[in-house]
Amino acid sequence: TKGHPTLVYTRTRSARGLYVVPNVFHEHAVYLRYICAFYHSLPQLTVFLHGHRSSWHNRDAAAVDQLLSMDLEAAVTAGASSGGGVYRSFNDYGQCWRDGRGEWADEMLAQAQGWAREMEPTLGAPPALKESYCCTQFLISADRIRARPHGFWRRLLADLLDPRVPQVCKVSGHVLELTWGYLLGEPS
């Protein structure tokens, strides 16, 4: 990590003293847990990575290798000068999701109740998503995370973890995977 602080979360029990969060909603519960816990004390940049280097998520260039080759100071400077903060996906955009036949509209029909409960109070109607980074590995600036209220992130995490809420009433992990960039200020 080139001297940068690292915080490792795991979704399984570990004797290594790592943070443990429930093994639900894949990386989404882990990312949300971090955002909720450190919202008011986030570093300038946070990197969200999957812990497995050999996964299909890393097929062209491992995310950690991309990160290690980045000039983080330049990223912060560029984000500050643009006024838009920093968002950098580590996933191969050529391999990511494209809506070729109206799949997003179909998915939003199936996810209407979850979107209305979890997202609409803050975000409004679902975006007209046409393409998206997937695999949710990215570098993000604190200002991009804080562009959404702390309560939004907390409510989303609490809802995902609440076993009393039926799965059909929650936004799916697939919807979250496709919308992280949008949640963090990228255009739809």
C-alpha atoms as a PDB file:
ATOM      1  CA  THR A   1       0.000   0.000   0.000  1.00  0.00           C
ATOM      2  CA  LYS A   2       3.037   2.313  -0.328  1.00  0.00           C
ATOM      3  CA  GLY A   3       2.654   3.663   3.179  1.00  0.00           C
ATOM      4  CA  HIS A   4      -1.036   4.480   2.861  1.00  0.00           C
ATOM      5  CA  PRO A   5      -3.302   3.417   5.724  1.00  0.00           C
ATOM      6  CA  THR A   6      -5.308   0.311   4.939  1.00  0.00           C
ATOM      7  CA  LEU A   7      -8.461  -0.935   6.591  1.00  0.00           C
ATOM      8  CA  VAL A   8      -9.530  -4.444   5.668  1.00  0.00           C
ATOM      9  CA  TYR A   9     -13.088  -5.625   6.120  1.00  0.00           C
ATOM     10  CA  THR A  10     -14.105  -9.206   5.686  1.00  0.00           C
ATOM     11  CA  ARG A  11     -17.526 -10.789   5.395  1.00  0.00           C
ATOM     12  CA  THR A  12     -16.492 -13.995   7.141  1.00  0.00           C
ATOM     13  CA  ARG A  13     -15.276 -14.809  10.621  1.00  0.00           C
ATOM     14  CA  SER A  14     -11.567 -14.248  10.995  1.00  0.00           C
ATOM     15  CA  ALA A  15      -9.023 -14.766  13.735  1.00  0.00           C
ATOM     16  CA  ARG A  16      -6.804 -12.079  12.175  1.00  0.00           C
ATOM     17  CA  GLY A  17      -8.485  -9.172  13.926  1.00  0.00           C
ATOM     18  CA  LEU A  18     -10.177  -7.877  10.787  1.00  0.00           C
ATOM     19  CA  TYR A  19     -13.459  -6.018  10.823  1.00  0.00           C
ATOM     20  CA  VAL A  20     -16.356  -8.374  10.305  1.00  0.00           C
ATOM     21  CA  VAL A  21     -19.684  -7.393   8.796  1.00  0.00           C
ATOM     22  CA  PRO A  22     -22.577  -9.669   7.935  1.00  0.00           C
ATOM     23  CA  ASN A  23     -22.128 -11.680   4.737  1.00  0.00           C
ATOM     24  CA  VAL A  24     -25.062 -10.099   2.911  1.00  0.00           C
ATOM     25  CA  PHE A  25     -25.318  -8.032  -0.265  1.00  0.00           C
ATOM     26  CA  HIS A  26     -21.763  -8.856  -1.303  1.00  0.00           C
ATOM     27  CA  GLU A  27     -19.431  -5.856  -1.077  1.00  0.00           C
ATOM     28  CA  HIS A  28     -22.273  -3.383  -0.679  1.00  0.00           C
ATOM     29  CA  ALA A  29     -22.790  -3.952   3.037  1.00  0.00           C
ATOM     30  CA  VAL A  30     -19.029  -3.704   3.554  1.00  0.00           C
ATOM     31  CA  TYR A  31     -18.702  -0.438   1.625  1.00  0.00           C
ATOM     32  CA  LEU A  32     -21.746   1.049   3.327  1.00  0.00           C
ATOM     33  CA  ARG A  33     -20.454  -0.005   6.755  1.00  0.00           C
ATOM     34  CA  TYR A  34     -17.205   1.844   6.110  1.00  0.00           C
ATOM     35  CA  ILE A  35     -18.981   4.971   4.816  1.00  0.00           C
ATOM     36  CA  CYS A  36     -21.328   5.026   7.805  1.00  0.00           C
ATOM     37  CA  ALA A  37     -18.572   4.445  10.348  1.00  0.00           C
ATOM     38  CA  PHE A  38     -16.143   7.048   9.000  1.00  0.00           C
ATOM     39  CA  TYR A  39     -18.426   9.559   7.273  1.00  0.00           C
ATOM     40  CA  HIS A  40     -17.286  12.510   9.415  1.00  0.00           C
ATOM     41  CA  SER A  41     -13.602  11.556   9.403  1.00  0.00           C
ATOM     42  CA  LEU A  42     -13.047  10.202   5.888  1.00  0.00           C
ATOM     43  CA  PRO A  43      -9.592  10.665   4.390  1.00  0.00           C
ATOM     44  CA  GLN A  44      -9.307  12.824   1.246  1.00  0.00           C
ATOM     45  CA  LEU A  45      -9.411   9.664  -0.883  1.00  0.00           C
ATOM     46  CA  THR A  46     -10.806   6.216  -0.191  1.00  0.00           C
ATOM     47  CA  VAL A  47     -10.253   3.151  -2.334  1.00  0.00           C
ATOM     48  CA  PHE A  48     -12.813   0.367  -2.422  1.00  0.00           C
ATOM     49  CA  LEU A  49     -11.309  -2.883  -3.728  1.00  0.00           C
ATOM     50  CA  HIS A  50     -12.220  -6.523  -3.753  1.00  0.00           C
ATOM     51  CA  GLY A  51      -9.681  -8.604  -1.885  1.00  0.00           C
ATOM     52  CA  HIS A  52      -9.110 -11.156  -4.623  1.00  0.00           C
ATOM     53  CA  ARG A  53      -6.486 -10.327  -7.225  1.00  0.00           C
ATOM     54  CA  SER A  54      -7.296 -13.211  -9.586  1.00  0.00           C
ATOM     55  CA  SER A  55     -11.053 -12.672  -9.918  1.00  0.00           C
ATOM     56  CA  TRP A  56     -12.726 -11.910 -13.242  1.00  0.00           C
ATOM     57  CA  HIS A  57     -13.219  -8.399 -11.840  1.00  0.00           C
ATOM     58  CA  ASN A  58      -9.497  -7.909 -12.435  1.00  0.00           C
ATOM     59  CA  ARG A  59      -9.214  -9.597 -15.839  1.00  0.00           C
ATOM     60  CA  ASP A  60      -7.329  -6.909 -17.771  1.00  0.00           C
ATOM     61  CA  ALA A  61      -5.417  -5.049 -15.076  1.00  0.00           C
ATOM     62  CA  ALA A  62      -5.675  -5.832 -11.388  1.00  0.00           C
ATOM     63  CA  ALA A  63      -7.242  -2.917  -9.550  1.00  0.00           C
ATOM     64  CA  VAL A  64      -4.473  -2.848  -6.981  1.00  0.00           C
ATOM     65  CA  ASP A  65      -1.850  -2.573  -9.740  1.00  0.00           C
ATOM     66  CA  GLN A  66      -3.753   0.344 -11.290  1.00  0.00           C
ATOM     67  CA  LEU A  67      -3.912   2.006  -7.883  1.00  0.00           C
ATOM     68  CA  LEU A  68      -0.214   1.541  -7.175  1.00  0.00           C
ATOM     69  CA  SER A  69       0.671   3.157 -10.504  1.00  0.00           C
ATOM     70  CA  MET A  70      -1.532   6.225  -9.868  1.00  0.00           C
ATOM     71  CA  ASP A  71      -0.312   9.621  -8.767  1.00  0.00           C
ATOM     72  CA  LEU A  72      -2.765  10.181  -5.914  1.00  0.00           C
ATOM     73  CA  GLU A  73      -1.661  13.773  -5.318  1.00  0.00           C
ATOM     74  CA  ALA A  74      -2.415  14.572  -8.960  1.00  0.00           C
ATOM     75  CA  ALA A  75      -5.852  12.950  -8.609  1.00  0.00           C
ATOM     76  CA  VAL A  76      -6.636  15.110  -5.587  1.00  0.00           C
ATOM     77  CA  THR A  77      -5.406  18.255  -7.373  1.00  0.00           C
ATOM     78  CA  ALA A  78      -7.405  17.469 -10.523  1.00  0.00           C
ATOM     79  CA  GLY A  79     -10.539  16.766  -8.465  1.00  0.00           C
ATOM     80  CA  ALA A  80     -10.159  19.998  -6.539  1.00  0.00           C
ATOM     81  CA  SER A  81      -9.538  22.105  -9.639  1.00  0.00           C
ATOM     82  CA  SER A  82     -12.573  20.655 -11.428  1.00  0.00           C
ATOM     83  CA  GLY A  83     -14.760  21.210  -8.377  1.00  0.00           C
ATOM     84  CA  GLY A  84     -16.278  17.780  -8.942  1.00  0.00           C
ATOM     85  CA  GLY A  85     -14.154  15.684  -6.648  1.00  0.00           C
ATOM     86  CA  VAL A  86     -12.596  12.382  -7.617  1.00  0.00           C
ATOM     87  CA  TYR A  87     -14.211   9.218  -8.938  1.00  0.00           C
ATOM     88  CA  ARG A  88     -12.053   6.650 -10.723  1.00  0.00           C
ATOM     89  CA  SER A  89     -13.304   3.165 -11.546  1.00  0.00           C
ATOM     90  CA  PHE A  90     -10.714   0.390 -11.585  1.00  0.00           C
ATOM     91  CA  ASN A  91     -12.839  -1.805 -13.820  1.00  0.00           C
ATOM     92  CA  ASP A  92     -12.420  -2.253 -17.539  1.00  0.00           C
ATOM     93  CA  TYR A  93     -15.204  -0.145 -19.002  1.00  0.00           C
ATOM     94  CA  GLY A  94     -15.192  -2.222 -22.178  1.00  0.00           C
ATOM     95  CA  GLN A  95     -16.234  -5.218 -20.096  1.00  0.00           C
ATOM     96  CA  CYS A  96     -18.935  -3.473 -18.136  1.00  0.00           C
ATOM     97  CA  TRP A  97     -22.690  -3.374 -18.444  1.00  0.00           C
ATOM     98  CA  ARG A  98     -24.548  -1.825 -21.384  1.00  0.00           C
ATOM     99  CA  ASP A  99     -28.324  -1.690 -21.709  1.00  0.00           C
ATOM    100  CA  GLY A 100     -28.927  -3.022 -25.176  1.00  0.00           C
ATOM    101  CA  ARG A 101     -32.549  -4.132 -24.932  1.00  0.00           C
ATOM    102  CA  GLY A 102     -34.212  -2.201 -22.136  1.00  0.00           C
ATOM    103  CA  GLU A 103     -32.941  -4.421 -19.321  1.00  0.00           C
ATOM    104  CA  TRP A 104     -32.596  -1.456 -16.947  1.00  0.00           C
ATOM    105  CA  ALA A 105     -36.259  -0.489 -17.320  1.00  0.00           C
ATOM    106  CA  ASP A 106     -37.245  -4.114 -16.687  1.00  0.00           C
ATOM    107  CA  GLU A 107     -35.005  -4.272 -13.632  1.00  0.00           C
ATOM    108  CA  MET A 108     -36.444  -1.027 -12.278  1.00  0.00           C
ATOM    109  CA  LEU A 109     -39.959  -2.448 -12.650  1.00  0.00           C
ATOM    110  CA  ALA A 110     -38.894  -5.409 -10.518  1.00  0.00           C
ATOM    111  CA  GLN A 111     -37.050  -3.132  -8.075  1.00  0.00           C
ATOM    112  CA  ALA A 112     -39.667  -0.371  -7.854  1.00  0.00           C
ATOM    113  CA  GLN A 113     -40.595  -1.038  -4.240  1.00  0.00           C
ATOM    114  CA  GLY A 114     -36.995  -1.180  -3.033  1.00  0.00           C
ATOM    115  CA  TRP A 115     -36.032   1.951  -4.959  1.00  0.00           C
ATOM    116  CA  ALA A 116     -39.041   3.824  -3.604  1.00  0.00           C
ATOM    117  CA  ARG A 117     -38.207   2.844  -0.012  1.00  0.00           C
ATOM    118  CA  GLU A 118     -34.416   3.175  -0.015  1.00  0.00           C
ATOM    119  CA  MET A 119     -33.406   5.582  -2.731  1.00  0.00           C
ATOM    120  CA  GLU A 120     -36.256   7.835  -3.833  1.00  0.00           C
ATOM    121  CA  PRO A 121     -36.420  10.050  -0.706  1.00  0.00           C
ATOM    122  CA  THR A 122     -32.863  11.237  -1.448  1.00  0.00           C
ATOM    123  CA  LEU A 123     -32.344  10.555  -5.149  1.00  0.00           C
ATOM    124  CA  GLY A 124     -35.799  10.815  -6.672  1.00  0.00           C
ATOM    125  CA  ALA A 125     -36.859   8.547  -9.506  1.00  0.00           C
ATOM    126  CA  PRO A 126     -34.364   5.973 -10.798  1.00  0.00           C
ATOM    127  CA  PRO A 127     -31.919   7.299 -13.399  1.00  0.00           C
ATOM    128  CA  ALA A 128     -32.315   6.347 -17.042  1.00  0.00           C
ATOM    129  CA  LEU A 129     -29.191   4.207 -16.890  1.00  0.00           C
ATOM    130  CA  LYS A 130     -27.777   3.211 -20.287  1.00  0.00           C
ATOM    131  CA  GLU A 131     -24.344   1.898 -19.282  1.00  0.00           C
ATOM    132  CA  SER A 132     -22.407   1.482 -16.099  1.00  0.00           C
ATOM    133  CA  TYR A 133     -19.131   0.522 -14.554  1.00  0.00           C
ATOM    134  CA  CYS A 134     -19.677  -2.737 -12.772  1.00  0.00           C
ATOM    135  CA  CYS A 135     -17.708  -4.738 -10.227  1.00  0.00           C
ATOM    136  CA  THR A 136     -17.586  -1.788  -7.821  1.00  0.00           C
ATOM    137  CA  GLN A 137     -13.874  -1.167  -7.409  1.00  0.00           C
ATOM    138  CA  PHE A 138     -13.112   2.538  -7.335  1.00  0.00           C
ATOM    139  CA  LEU A 139     -11.237   5.501  -5.883  1.00  0.00           C
ATOM    140  CA  ILE A 140     -13.482   8.204  -4.445  1.00  0.00           C
ATOM    141  CA  SER A 141     -12.959  11.529  -2.724  1.00  0.00           C
ATOM    142  CA  ALA A 142     -14.564  12.302   0.610  1.00  0.00           C
ATOM    143  CA  ASP A 143     -16.529  15.200  -0.876  1.00  0.00           C
ATOM    144  CA  ARG A 144     -18.203  12.831  -3.349  1.00  0.00           C
ATOM    145  CA  ILE A 145     -19.293  10.518  -0.520  1.00  0.00           C
ATOM    146  CA  ARG A 146     -20.465  13.452   1.592  1.00  0.00           C
ATOM    147  CA  ALA A 147     -22.523  14.857  -1.296  1.00  0.00           C
ATOM    148  CA  ARG A 148     -25.171  12.424  -0.016  1.00  0.00           C
ATOM    149  CA  PRO A 149     -26.278  12.925   3.604  1.00  0.00           C
ATOM    150  CA  HIS A 150     -24.932  10.602   6.269  1.00  0.00           C
ATOM    151  CA  GLY A 151     -28.512   9.562   6.995  1.00  0.00           C
ATOM    152  CA  PHE A 152     -28.935   8.294   3.424  1.00  0.00           C
ATOM    153  CA  TRP A 153     -25.991   5.903   3.737  1.00  0.00           C
ATOM    154  CA  ARG A 154     -27.075   4.848   7.245  1.00  0.00           C
ATOM    155  CA  ARG A 155     -30.674   4.143   6.192  1.00  0.00           C
ATOM    156  CA  LEU A 156     -29.535   2.176   3.161  1.00  0.00           C
ATOM    157  CA  LEU A 157     -27.199   0.004   5.250  1.00  0.00           C
ATOM    158  CA  ALA A 158     -29.774  -0.519   8.003  1.00  0.00           C
ATOM    159  CA  ASP A 159     -32.402  -1.534   5.471  1.00  0.00           C
ATOM    160  CA  LEU A 160     -30.090  -3.988   3.708  1.00  0.00           C
ATOM    161  CA  LEU A 161     -29.121  -5.608   7.005  1.00  0.00           C
ATOM    162  CA  ASP A 162     -32.622  -5.728   8.498  1.00  0.00           C
ATOM    163  CA  PRO A 163     -33.774  -9.370   8.388  1.00  0.00           C
ATOM    164  CA  ARG A 164     -37.381  -8.263   8.960  1.00  0.00           C
ATOM    165  CA  VAL A 165     -37.488  -6.565   5.547  1.00  0.00           C
ATOM    166  CA  PRO A 166     -38.273  -9.120   2.828  1.00  0.00           C
ATOM    167  CA  GLN A 167     -35.694  -9.344   0.027  1.00  0.00           C
ATOM    168  CA  VAL A 168     -38.327  -8.332  -2.524  1.00  0.00           C
ATOM    169  CA  CYS A 169     -38.639  -4.985  -0.719  1.00  0.00           C
ATOM    170  CA  LYS A 170     -34.908  -4.193  -0.907  1.00  0.00           C
ATOM    171  CA  VAL A 171     -32.842  -2.847  -3.768  1.00  0.00           C
ATOM    172  CA  SER A 172     -30.906  -5.795  -5.182  1.00  0.00           C
ATOM    173  CA  GLY A 173     -27.144  -6.140  -5.061  1.00  0.00           C
ATOM    174  CA  HIS A 174     -27.186  -5.947  -8.859  1.00  0.00           C
ATOM    175  CA  VAL A 175     -28.886  -2.548  -8.795  1.00  0.00           C
ATOM    176  CA  LEU A 176     -26.367  -1.340  -6.226  1.00  0.00           C
ATOM    177  CA  GLU A 177     -23.477  -2.657  -8.305  1.00  0.00           C
ATOM    178  CA  LEU A 178     -24.686  -0.733 -11.340  1.00  0.00           C
ATOM    179  CA  THR A 179     -25.436   2.488  -9.437  1.00  0.00           C
ATOM    180  CA  TRP A 180     -22.410   3.058  -7.170  1.00  0.00           C
ATOM    181  CA  GLY A 181     -20.948   5.524  -9.677  1.00  0.00           C
ATOM    182  CA  TYR A 182     -24.304   7.319  -9.876  1.00  0.00           C
ATOM    183  CA  LEU A 183     -24.646   7.360  -6.065  1.00  0.00           C
ATOM    184  CA  LEU A 184     -21.207   8.953  -5.926  1.00  0.00           C
ATOM    185  CA  GLY A 185     -21.923  11.727  -8.411  1.00  0.00           C
ATOM    186  CA  GLU A 186     -21.263  10.220 -11.833  1.00  0.00           C
ATOM    187  CA  PRO A 187     -23.826  10.991 -14.525  1.00  0.00           C
ATOM    188  CA  SER A 188     -26.393   8.322 -15.331  1.00  0.00           C
END
